[in-house]
Amino acid sequence: MFSRKTAVPTVLVYLVGLLVLGLIAFLAALLTDRNPLPFPDRDYHVFSASSPEALVALEQLMQNQGHRPRFRIDSPGVDRTVFSNGTIINHPSPEMFNALGQPAGALGFVVDDPEAAAREAARLLQAAGLQAEVVLDAEPGLPIAFVKTNALISGALVYRKHVLQMGQKPPGWTPRT
């Protein structure tokens, strides 16, 4: 019998090596709370700061407690920071704050149809004897619907589409001054 040697192309060895290194880097990112993907996009909690200075101080406090800021998603009506654990700290404009009944916080939900989900939530809350009002124009131009309700003490409900359906990818977080 004669033996036959099988040679593995060098390119294949390098490709497998790069794939393994990439997988290790991705797992390290996940383990250090630096998920580079927009998944999972889960439900979230929003807390409103009392002033721009309070927003900066709360951002620092969250960082001191080990929570990393992922995105700074400011809009004309809201300055907001999204942290790696899903918590959002924002400072809404006075107009937005008043339109929503001055909520100090909110429960946020990722849904396919924000308006329909908000209307369903309002019906459910009203059926339970609570006040609930759908607000669609608090943040114009974004697929977000709010429910003002007395079910929460100084709170609201927020419904929005998945981050991939909200428009362009949010910029990475940068410190405020």
N, C-alpha and C. Protein backbone atom coordinates (compact mmCIF):
# COMPACT_ATOMS: atom_id res chain seq x y z
N MET A 1 0.83 -1.17 0.00
CA MET A 1 0.00 0.00 0.00
C MET A 1 0.88 1.24 0.00
N PHE A 2 0.37 2.20 -0.62
CA PHE A 2 1.11 3.46 -0.62
C PHE A 2 0.28 4.51 0.13
N SER A 3 0.93 5.49 0.73
CA SER A 3 0.22 6.51 1.50
C SER A 3 0.06 7.77 0.65
N ARG A 4 -1.01 8.43 0.93
CA ARG A 4 -1.30 9.66 0.20
C ARG A 4 -1.34 10.82 1.20
N LYS A 5 -0.67 11.88 0.92
CA LYS A 5 -0.66 13.05 1.80
C LYS A 5 -1.71 14.04 1.30
N THR A 6 -2.44 14.58 2.24
CA THR A 6 -3.43 15.58 1.91
C THR A 6 -2.93 16.93 2.41
N ALA A 7 -2.88 17.88 1.54
CA ALA A 7 -2.41 19.21 1.91
C ALA A 7 -3.59 20.15 2.07
N VAL A 8 -3.56 20.93 3.13
CA VAL A 8 -4.59 21.93 3.37
C VAL A 8 -4.06 23.25 2.83
N PRO A 9 -4.84 23.88 1.97
CA PRO A 9 -4.37 25.16 1.42
C PRO A 9 -4.10 26.17 2.53
N THR A 10 -3.03 26.91 2.40
CA THR A 10 -2.64 27.90 3.39
C THR A 10 -3.73 28.95 3.58
N VAL A 11 -4.40 29.32 2.52
CA VAL A 11 -5.48 30.32 2.60
C VAL A 11 -6.58 29.83 3.52
N LEU A 12 -6.92 28.56 3.45
CA LEU A 12 -7.96 27.99 4.30
C LEU A 12 -7.55 28.02 5.77
N VAL A 13 -6.29 27.73 6.04
CA VAL A 13 -5.79 27.78 7.42
C VAL A 13 -5.91 29.20 7.97
N TYR A 14 -5.51 30.19 7.16
CA TYR A 14 -5.62 31.59 7.60
C TYR A 14 -7.07 32.01 7.79
N LEU A 15 -7.96 31.61 6.90
CA LEU A 15 -9.38 31.96 7.03
C LEU A 15 -9.99 31.38 8.30
N VAL A 16 -9.70 30.12 8.59
CA VAL A 16 -10.22 29.50 9.80
C VAL A 16 -9.66 30.21 11.03
N GLY A 17 -8.37 30.55 10.98
CA GLY A 17 -7.76 31.28 12.09
C GLY A 17 -8.42 32.64 12.32
N LEU A 18 -8.68 33.37 11.24
CA LEU A 18 -9.36 34.67 11.36
C LEU A 18 -10.77 34.51 11.89
N LEU A 19 -11.47 33.48 11.45
CA LEU A 19 -12.83 33.23 11.92
C LEU A 19 -12.83 32.95 13.42
N VAL A 20 -11.89 32.13 13.87
CA VAL A 20 -11.79 31.82 15.30
C VAL A 20 -11.46 33.08 16.10
N LEU A 21 -10.52 33.90 15.62
CA LEU A 21 -10.19 35.15 16.30
C LEU A 21 -11.39 36.09 16.35
N GLY A 22 -12.13 36.17 15.24
CA GLY A 22 -13.32 37.01 15.20
C GLY A 22 -14.37 36.53 16.19
N LEU A 23 -14.56 35.23 16.29
CA LEU A 23 -15.52 34.67 17.23
C LEU A 23 -15.10 34.96 18.67
N ILE A 24 -13.82 34.83 18.95
CA ILE A 24 -13.30 35.13 20.30
C ILE A 24 -13.52 36.60 20.63
N ALA A 25 -13.25 37.50 19.67
CA ALA A 25 -13.44 38.94 19.90
C ALA A 25 -14.91 39.25 20.13
N PHE A 26 -15.80 38.63 19.37
CA PHE A 26 -17.24 38.87 19.54
C PHE A 26 -17.70 38.38 20.91
N LEU A 27 -17.28 37.20 21.31
CA LEU A 27 -17.65 36.68 22.63
C LEU A 27 -17.10 37.57 23.75
N ALA A 28 -15.88 38.06 23.58
CA ALA A 28 -15.32 38.98 24.58
C ALA A 28 -16.15 40.25 24.67
N ALA A 29 -16.61 40.76 23.53
CA ALA A 29 -17.46 41.96 23.52
C ALA A 29 -18.76 41.69 24.26
N LEU A 30 -19.36 40.55 24.04
CA LEU A 30 -20.60 40.22 24.74
C LEU A 30 -20.38 40.08 26.23
N LEU A 31 -19.29 39.42 26.61
CA LEU A 31 -19.02 39.20 28.03
C LEU A 31 -18.66 40.47 28.76
N THR A 32 -18.12 41.46 28.07
CA THR A 32 -17.76 42.73 28.71
C THR A 32 -18.84 43.78 28.51
N ASP A 33 -20.03 43.34 28.12
CA ASP A 33 -21.19 44.22 27.98
C ASP A 33 -21.02 45.25 26.88
N ARG A 34 -20.35 44.88 25.82
CA ARG A 34 -20.12 45.77 24.68
C ARG A 34 -20.68 45.16 23.41
N ASN A 35 -21.89 44.67 23.47
CA ASN A 35 -22.52 44.02 22.32
C ASN A 35 -22.55 44.99 21.14
N PRO A 36 -21.88 44.67 20.04
CA PRO A 36 -21.84 45.58 18.90
C PRO A 36 -23.08 45.50 18.01
N LEU A 37 -23.95 44.55 18.29
CA LEU A 37 -25.14 44.35 17.45
C LEU A 37 -26.36 45.05 18.05
N PRO A 38 -27.35 45.35 17.21
CA PRO A 38 -28.58 45.95 17.75
C PRO A 38 -29.53 44.90 18.32
N PHE A 39 -29.01 43.73 18.64
CA PHE A 39 -29.80 42.67 19.22
C PHE A 39 -29.21 42.32 20.57
N PRO A 40 -29.91 41.94 21.55
CA PRO A 40 -31.35 42.02 21.54
C PRO A 40 -31.81 43.46 21.78
N ASP A 41 -32.92 43.82 21.22
CA ASP A 41 -33.55 45.12 21.48
C ASP A 41 -34.77 44.81 22.33
N ARG A 42 -34.59 44.90 23.61
CA ARG A 42 -35.63 44.50 24.56
C ARG A 42 -36.38 45.71 25.09
N ASP A 43 -37.36 45.38 25.92
CA ASP A 43 -38.07 46.43 26.63
C ASP A 43 -37.08 47.13 27.56
N TYR A 44 -37.45 48.31 28.03
CA TYR A 44 -36.48 49.15 28.72
C TYR A 44 -37.17 50.03 29.75
N HIS A 45 -36.37 50.75 30.54
CA HIS A 45 -36.86 51.68 31.55
C HIS A 45 -36.25 53.04 31.28
N VAL A 46 -37.07 54.07 31.43
CA VAL A 46 -36.64 55.43 31.17
C VAL A 46 -36.81 56.25 32.44
N PHE A 47 -35.79 57.02 32.76
CA PHE A 47 -35.86 57.92 33.90
C PHE A 47 -35.50 59.32 33.43
N SER A 48 -36.29 60.30 33.87
CA SER A 48 -36.07 61.68 33.44
C SER A 48 -35.28 62.46 34.47
N ALA A 49 -34.23 63.10 34.00
CA ALA A 49 -33.41 63.96 34.85
C ALA A 49 -34.10 65.31 35.00
N SER A 50 -33.86 65.97 36.12
CA SER A 50 -34.53 67.24 36.40
C SER A 50 -33.93 68.42 35.66
N SER A 51 -32.70 68.26 35.13
CA SER A 51 -32.03 69.36 34.43
C SER A 51 -30.91 68.76 33.56
N PRO A 52 -30.36 69.56 32.65
CA PRO A 52 -29.21 69.06 31.89
C PRO A 52 -28.02 68.70 32.79
N GLU A 53 -27.82 69.46 33.83
CA GLU A 53 -26.73 69.18 34.77
C GLU A 53 -26.99 67.87 35.51
N ALA A 54 -28.26 67.62 35.85
CA ALA A 54 -28.61 66.37 36.52
C ALA A 54 -28.40 65.19 35.59
N LEU A 55 -28.67 65.37 34.30
CA LEU A 55 -28.43 64.31 33.32
C LEU A 55 -26.95 63.92 33.30
N VAL A 56 -26.07 64.92 33.26
CA VAL A 56 -24.62 64.66 33.25
C VAL A 56 -24.22 63.94 34.54
N ALA A 57 -24.73 64.39 35.67
CA ALA A 57 -24.38 63.77 36.95
C ALA A 57 -24.89 62.32 37.01
N LEU A 58 -26.10 62.08 36.51
CA LEU A 58 -26.64 60.72 36.52
C LEU A 58 -25.89 59.80 35.57
N GLU A 59 -25.44 60.35 34.44
CA GLU A 59 -24.60 59.55 33.53
C GLU A 59 -23.33 59.12 34.25
N GLN A 60 -22.72 60.03 34.98
CA GLN A 60 -21.49 59.72 35.72
C GLN A 60 -21.77 58.70 36.82
N LEU A 61 -22.88 58.88 37.52
CA LEU A 61 -23.25 57.95 38.59
C LEU A 61 -23.44 56.54 38.03
N MET A 62 -24.14 56.41 36.91
CA MET A 62 -24.34 55.10 36.28
C MET A 62 -22.99 54.48 35.92
N GLN A 63 -22.09 55.28 35.36
CA GLN A 63 -20.76 54.77 35.01
C GLN A 63 -19.98 54.35 36.25
N ASN A 64 -20.10 55.11 37.32
CA ASN A 64 -19.41 54.76 38.57
C ASN A 64 -19.91 53.43 39.12
N GLN A 65 -21.15 53.08 38.80
CA GLN A 65 -21.73 51.83 39.26
C GLN A 65 -21.51 50.69 38.27
N GLY A 66 -20.72 50.94 37.23
CA GLY A 66 -20.36 49.88 36.29
C GLY A 66 -21.23 49.76 35.05
N HIS A 67 -22.15 50.69 34.84
CA HIS A 67 -23.02 50.65 33.66
C HIS A 67 -22.40 51.51 32.57
N ARG A 68 -22.19 50.91 31.42
CA ARG A 68 -21.53 51.61 30.32
C ARG A 68 -22.55 52.28 29.41
N PRO A 69 -22.33 53.54 29.07
CA PRO A 69 -23.21 54.18 28.09
C PRO A 69 -22.94 53.61 26.70
N ARG A 70 -24.02 53.25 25.98
CA ARG A 70 -23.85 52.70 24.64
C ARG A 70 -24.09 53.75 23.57
N PHE A 71 -25.18 54.49 23.72
CA PHE A 71 -25.56 55.46 22.70
C PHE A 71 -26.01 56.75 23.35
N ARG A 72 -25.82 57.82 22.63
CA ARG A 72 -26.38 59.12 22.99
C ARG A 72 -27.35 59.44 21.86
N ILE A 73 -28.63 59.30 22.14
CA ILE A 73 -29.65 59.46 21.10
C ILE A 73 -30.46 60.72 21.42
N ASP A 74 -29.90 61.86 21.06
CA ASP A 74 -30.58 63.13 21.30
C ASP A 74 -31.50 63.44 20.13
N SER A 75 -32.59 64.12 20.43
CA SER A 75 -33.51 64.60 19.40
C SER A 75 -33.83 66.05 19.75
N PRO A 76 -34.55 66.76 18.90
CA PRO A 76 -34.86 68.15 19.25
C PRO A 76 -35.62 68.29 20.57
N GLY A 77 -36.35 67.24 20.97
CA GLY A 77 -37.14 67.34 22.20
C GLY A 77 -36.56 66.64 23.41
N VAL A 78 -35.52 65.84 23.22
CA VAL A 78 -35.00 65.04 24.33
C VAL A 78 -33.49 64.83 24.17
N ASP A 79 -32.76 65.00 25.27
CA ASP A 79 -31.38 64.55 25.36
C ASP A 79 -31.43 63.22 26.10
N ARG A 80 -30.86 62.15 25.49
CA ARG A 80 -30.96 60.83 26.14
C ARG A 80 -29.69 60.02 25.97
N THR A 81 -29.42 59.23 26.99
CA THR A 81 -28.30 58.29 26.97
C THR A 81 -28.86 56.90 27.23
N VAL A 82 -28.48 55.96 26.36
CA VAL A 82 -28.88 54.57 26.51
C VAL A 82 -27.70 53.79 27.06
N PHE A 83 -27.92 53.11 28.18
CA PHE A 83 -26.87 52.34 28.82
C PHE A 83 -26.93 50.89 28.40
N SER A 84 -25.84 50.17 28.64
CA SER A 84 -25.71 48.78 28.19
C SER A 84 -26.74 47.86 28.83
N ASN A 85 -27.28 48.21 29.98
CA ASN A 85 -28.28 47.36 30.62
C ASN A 85 -29.71 47.71 30.16
N GLY A 86 -29.83 48.62 29.20
CA GLY A 86 -31.15 48.98 28.67
C GLY A 86 -31.77 50.19 29.34
N THR A 87 -31.19 50.65 30.43
CA THR A 87 -31.72 51.84 31.10
C THR A 87 -31.46 53.07 30.24
N ILE A 88 -32.46 53.95 30.18
CA ILE A 88 -32.32 55.21 29.47
C ILE A 88 -32.50 56.33 30.48
N ILE A 89 -31.57 57.27 30.47
CA ILE A 89 -31.70 58.49 31.28
C ILE A 89 -31.82 59.63 30.29
N ASN A 90 -32.86 60.44 30.47
CA ASN A 90 -33.06 61.52 29.52
C ASN A 90 -33.38 62.83 30.23
N HIS A 91 -33.34 63.89 29.44
CA HIS A 91 -33.83 65.20 29.89
C HIS A 91 -34.71 65.73 28.77
N PRO A 92 -36.04 65.61 28.96
CA PRO A 92 -36.96 66.09 27.92
C PRO A 92 -37.10 67.61 27.93
N SER A 93 -37.46 68.13 26.77
CA SER A 93 -37.74 69.56 26.69
C SER A 93 -38.99 69.85 27.51
N PRO A 94 -39.16 71.09 27.95
CA PRO A 94 -40.37 71.43 28.71
C PRO A 94 -41.65 71.11 27.93
N GLU A 95 -41.64 71.30 26.62
CA GLU A 95 -42.84 71.02 25.80
C GLU A 95 -43.18 69.53 25.84
N MET A 96 -42.19 68.68 25.68
CA MET A 96 -42.44 67.24 25.71
C MET A 96 -42.85 66.80 27.11
N PHE A 97 -42.17 67.32 28.09
CA PHE A 97 -42.46 66.97 29.47
C PHE A 97 -43.92 67.31 29.81
N ASN A 98 -44.36 68.49 29.40
CA ASN A 98 -45.74 68.90 29.67
C ASN A 98 -46.75 68.10 28.85
N ALA A 99 -46.40 67.75 27.62
CA ALA A 99 -47.31 66.97 26.77
C ALA A 99 -47.59 65.60 27.37
N LEU A 100 -46.63 65.08 28.13
CA LEU A 100 -46.79 63.74 28.70
C LEU A 100 -47.22 63.77 30.17
N GLY A 101 -47.49 64.93 30.72
CA GLY A 101 -47.93 65.00 32.10
C GLY A 101 -46.79 64.93 33.10
N GLN A 102 -45.60 65.34 32.70
CA GLN A 102 -44.41 65.41 33.53
C GLN A 102 -44.03 64.07 34.18
N PRO A 103 -43.88 63.01 33.37
CA PRO A 103 -43.49 61.73 33.96
C PRO A 103 -42.03 61.73 34.40
N ALA A 104 -41.78 61.17 35.56
CA ALA A 104 -40.40 61.04 36.05
C ALA A 104 -39.74 59.81 35.45
N GLY A 105 -40.54 58.87 35.00
CA GLY A 105 -40.01 57.64 34.43
C GLY A 105 -41.03 57.01 33.51
N ALA A 106 -40.61 55.96 32.83
CA ALA A 106 -41.51 55.27 31.91
C ALA A 106 -41.09 53.83 31.75
N LEU A 107 -42.08 53.00 31.48
CA LEU A 107 -41.82 51.64 31.05
C LEU A 107 -41.84 51.67 29.53
N GLY A 108 -40.79 51.15 28.90
CA GLY A 108 -40.70 51.18 27.45
C GLY A 108 -40.81 49.78 26.87
N PHE A 109 -41.50 49.69 25.73
CA PHE A 109 -41.72 48.41 25.07
C PHE A 109 -41.38 48.51 23.59
N VAL A 110 -40.71 47.49 23.07
CA VAL A 110 -40.38 47.41 21.65
C VAL A 110 -41.48 46.59 20.98
N VAL A 111 -42.17 47.20 20.02
CA VAL A 111 -43.32 46.57 19.37
C VAL A 111 -43.28 46.82 17.86
N ASP A 112 -44.07 46.06 17.11
CA ASP A 112 -44.14 46.25 15.67
C ASP A 112 -44.94 47.50 15.29
N ASP A 113 -46.02 47.77 16.04
CA ASP A 113 -46.90 48.89 15.74
C ASP A 113 -47.11 49.71 17.01
N PRO A 114 -46.29 50.75 17.23
CA PRO A 114 -46.38 51.52 18.47
C PRO A 114 -47.77 52.12 18.73
N GLU A 115 -48.39 52.68 17.71
CA GLU A 115 -49.70 53.30 17.93
C GLU A 115 -50.74 52.27 18.35
N ALA A 116 -50.79 51.15 17.67
CA ALA A 116 -51.76 50.10 18.02
C ALA A 116 -51.50 49.56 19.42
N ALA A 117 -50.24 49.35 19.76
CA ALA A 117 -49.90 48.84 21.09
C ALA A 117 -50.29 49.85 22.17
N ALA A 118 -50.06 51.13 21.92
CA ALA A 118 -50.43 52.16 22.89
C ALA A 118 -51.94 52.22 23.07
N ARG A 119 -52.66 52.14 21.98
CA ARG A 119 -54.14 52.16 22.07
C ARG A 119 -54.66 50.94 22.83
N GLU A 120 -54.07 49.79 22.61
CA GLU A 120 -54.48 48.57 23.33
C GLU A 120 -54.17 48.71 24.82
N ALA A 121 -53.00 49.26 25.14
CA ALA A 121 -52.65 49.47 26.55
C ALA A 121 -53.63 50.44 27.21
N ALA A 122 -53.98 51.51 26.51
CA ALA A 122 -54.93 52.48 27.06
C ALA A 122 -56.29 51.81 27.31
N ARG A 123 -56.75 50.98 26.36
CA ARG A 123 -58.03 50.26 26.56
C ARG A 123 -57.96 49.36 27.79
N LEU A 124 -56.86 48.63 27.94
CA LEU A 124 -56.70 47.73 29.08
C LEU A 124 -56.74 48.51 30.40
N LEU A 125 -55.98 49.61 30.45
CA LEU A 125 -55.93 50.41 31.67
C LEU A 125 -57.29 51.04 31.98
N GLN A 126 -57.97 51.55 30.95
CA GLN A 126 -59.29 52.15 31.16
C GLN A 126 -60.29 51.11 31.63
N ALA A 127 -60.20 49.88 31.11
CA ALA A 127 -61.10 48.80 31.54
C ALA A 127 -60.88 48.46 33.00
N ALA A 128 -59.67 48.72 33.50
CA ALA A 128 -59.35 48.49 34.91
C ALA A 128 -59.73 49.69 35.78
N GLY A 129 -60.36 50.72 35.18
CA GLY A 129 -60.79 51.90 35.92
C GLY A 129 -59.73 52.96 36.09
N LEU A 130 -58.67 52.87 35.30
CA LEU A 130 -57.58 53.84 35.39
C LEU A 130 -57.66 54.85 34.26
N GLN A 131 -56.99 55.96 34.43
CA GLN A 131 -56.90 56.95 33.36
C GLN A 131 -55.80 56.55 32.40
N ALA A 132 -56.04 56.75 31.11
CA ALA A 132 -55.03 56.45 30.10
C ALA A 132 -55.34 57.25 28.85
N GLU A 133 -54.34 57.96 28.36
CA GLU A 133 -54.48 58.78 27.16
C GLU A 133 -53.29 58.52 26.24
N VAL A 134 -53.57 58.20 24.98
CA VAL A 134 -52.53 57.98 24.00
C VAL A 134 -52.03 59.32 23.48
N VAL A 135 -50.71 59.49 23.45
CA VAL A 135 -50.08 60.70 22.94
C VAL A 135 -49.14 60.29 21.81
N LEU A 136 -49.42 60.77 20.61
CA LEU A 136 -48.66 60.34 19.44
C LEU A 136 -47.63 61.37 18.96
N ASP A 137 -47.77 62.62 19.32
CA ASP A 137 -46.91 63.65 18.75
C ASP A 137 -45.93 64.27 19.75
N ALA A 138 -45.63 63.55 20.81
CA ALA A 138 -44.70 64.11 21.80
C ALA A 138 -43.28 64.20 21.25
N GLU A 139 -42.92 63.27 20.37
CA GLU A 139 -41.61 63.31 19.72
C GLU A 139 -41.83 63.15 18.22
N PRO A 140 -42.17 64.24 17.54
CA PRO A 140 -42.51 64.17 16.12
C PRO A 140 -41.41 63.57 15.26
N GLY A 141 -41.84 62.81 14.26
CA GLY A 141 -40.89 62.22 13.32
C GLY A 141 -40.34 60.87 13.73
N LEU A 142 -40.60 60.44 14.94
CA LEU A 142 -40.11 59.14 15.39
C LEU A 142 -41.29 58.19 15.59
N PRO A 143 -41.11 56.89 15.29
CA PRO A 143 -42.20 55.93 15.48
C PRO A 143 -42.35 55.54 16.95
N ILE A 144 -42.79 56.53 17.74
CA ILE A 144 -42.95 56.35 19.19
C ILE A 144 -44.35 56.80 19.58
N ALA A 145 -45.00 55.99 20.43
CA ALA A 145 -46.31 56.36 20.98
C ALA A 145 -46.21 56.27 22.50
N PHE A 146 -46.86 57.20 23.18
CA PHE A 146 -46.85 57.26 24.63
C PHE A 146 -48.25 57.06 25.18
N VAL A 147 -48.31 56.59 26.41
CA VAL A 147 -49.59 56.51 27.13
C VAL A 147 -49.39 57.23 28.46
N LYS A 148 -50.13 58.34 28.62
CA LYS A 148 -50.17 59.03 29.92
C LYS A 148 -51.17 58.26 30.77
N THR A 149 -50.77 57.90 31.98
CA THR A 149 -51.66 57.11 32.82
C THR A 149 -51.39 57.35 34.29
N ASN A 150 -52.43 57.18 35.08
CA ASN A 150 -52.26 57.25 36.53
C ASN A 150 -51.98 55.86 37.11
N ALA A 151 -51.76 54.87 36.25
CA ALA A 151 -51.39 53.54 36.73
C ALA A 151 -50.00 53.56 37.37
N LEU A 152 -49.17 54.49 36.93
CA LEU A 152 -47.85 54.70 37.51
C LEU A 152 -47.84 56.05 38.22
N ILE A 153 -47.17 56.12 39.35
CA ILE A 153 -47.04 57.41 40.02
C ILE A 153 -45.99 58.20 39.25
N SER A 154 -46.40 59.29 38.63
CA SER A 154 -45.50 60.14 37.86
C SER A 154 -44.75 59.35 36.78
N GLY A 155 -45.50 58.52 36.03
CA GLY A 155 -44.87 57.72 35.00
C GLY A 155 -45.72 57.65 33.74
N ALA A 156 -45.16 57.04 32.71
CA ALA A 156 -45.85 56.88 31.43
C ALA A 156 -45.43 55.54 30.84
N LEU A 157 -46.08 55.18 29.75
CA LEU A 157 -45.71 54.00 28.97
C LEU A 157 -45.20 54.50 27.62
N VAL A 158 -44.18 53.84 27.10
CA VAL A 158 -43.61 54.21 25.80
C VAL A 158 -43.59 52.98 24.92
N TYR A 159 -44.04 53.15 23.67
CA TYR A 159 -44.01 52.07 22.69
C TYR A 159 -43.23 52.57 21.48
N ARG A 160 -42.25 51.78 21.05
CA ARG A 160 -41.47 52.16 19.88
C ARG A 160 -41.15 50.93 19.05
N LYS A 161 -40.75 51.21 17.82
CA LYS A 161 -40.33 50.13 16.93
C LYS A 161 -38.93 49.64 17.30
N HIS A 162 -38.55 48.51 16.73
CA HIS A 162 -37.20 47.97 16.93
C HIS A 162 -36.19 49.00 16.45
N VAL A 163 -35.03 49.02 17.07
CA VAL A 163 -34.00 50.00 16.75
C VAL A 163 -33.64 49.99 15.26
N LEU A 164 -33.72 48.85 14.60
CA LEU A 164 -33.41 48.79 13.17
C LEU A 164 -34.48 49.45 12.31
N GLN A 165 -35.66 49.69 12.88
CA GLN A 165 -36.74 50.34 12.15
C GLN A 165 -36.91 51.80 12.55
N MET A 166 -36.01 52.30 13.38
CA MET A 166 -36.11 53.68 13.86
C MET A 166 -35.37 54.67 12.95
N GLY A 167 -34.69 54.19 11.95
CA GLY A 167 -33.90 55.07 11.10
C GLY A 167 -32.46 54.64 11.13
N GLN A 168 -31.57 55.59 10.98
CA GLN A 168 -30.15 55.25 10.95
C GLN A 168 -29.65 54.83 12.33
N LYS A 169 -28.56 54.10 12.34
CA LYS A 169 -27.97 53.63 13.59
C LYS A 169 -27.60 54.82 14.46
N PRO A 170 -27.93 54.74 15.75
CA PRO A 170 -27.58 55.86 16.62
C PRO A 170 -26.06 55.99 16.77
N PRO A 171 -25.58 57.20 16.95
CA PRO A 171 -24.14 57.38 17.13
C PRO A 171 -23.70 56.81 18.46
N GLY A 172 -22.43 56.45 18.55
CA GLY A 172 -21.89 56.00 19.83
C GLY A 172 -21.95 57.10 20.87
N TRP A 173 -21.83 56.72 22.11
CA TRP A 173 -21.96 57.69 23.20
C TRP A 173 -20.74 58.59 23.26
N THR A 174 -21.00 59.85 23.49
CA THR A 174 -19.94 60.81 23.75
C THR A 174 -20.31 61.58 25.01
N PRO A 175 -19.34 61.90 25.85
CA PRO A 175 -19.65 62.62 27.10
C PRO A 175 -20.24 64.01 26.82
N ARG A 176 -21.14 64.39 27.67
CA ARG A 176 -21.72 65.74 27.59
C ARG A 176 -20.81 66.67 28.41
N THR A 177 -20.90 67.94 28.08
CA THR A 177 -20.09 68.91 28.83
C THR A 177 -20.98 69.72 29.75
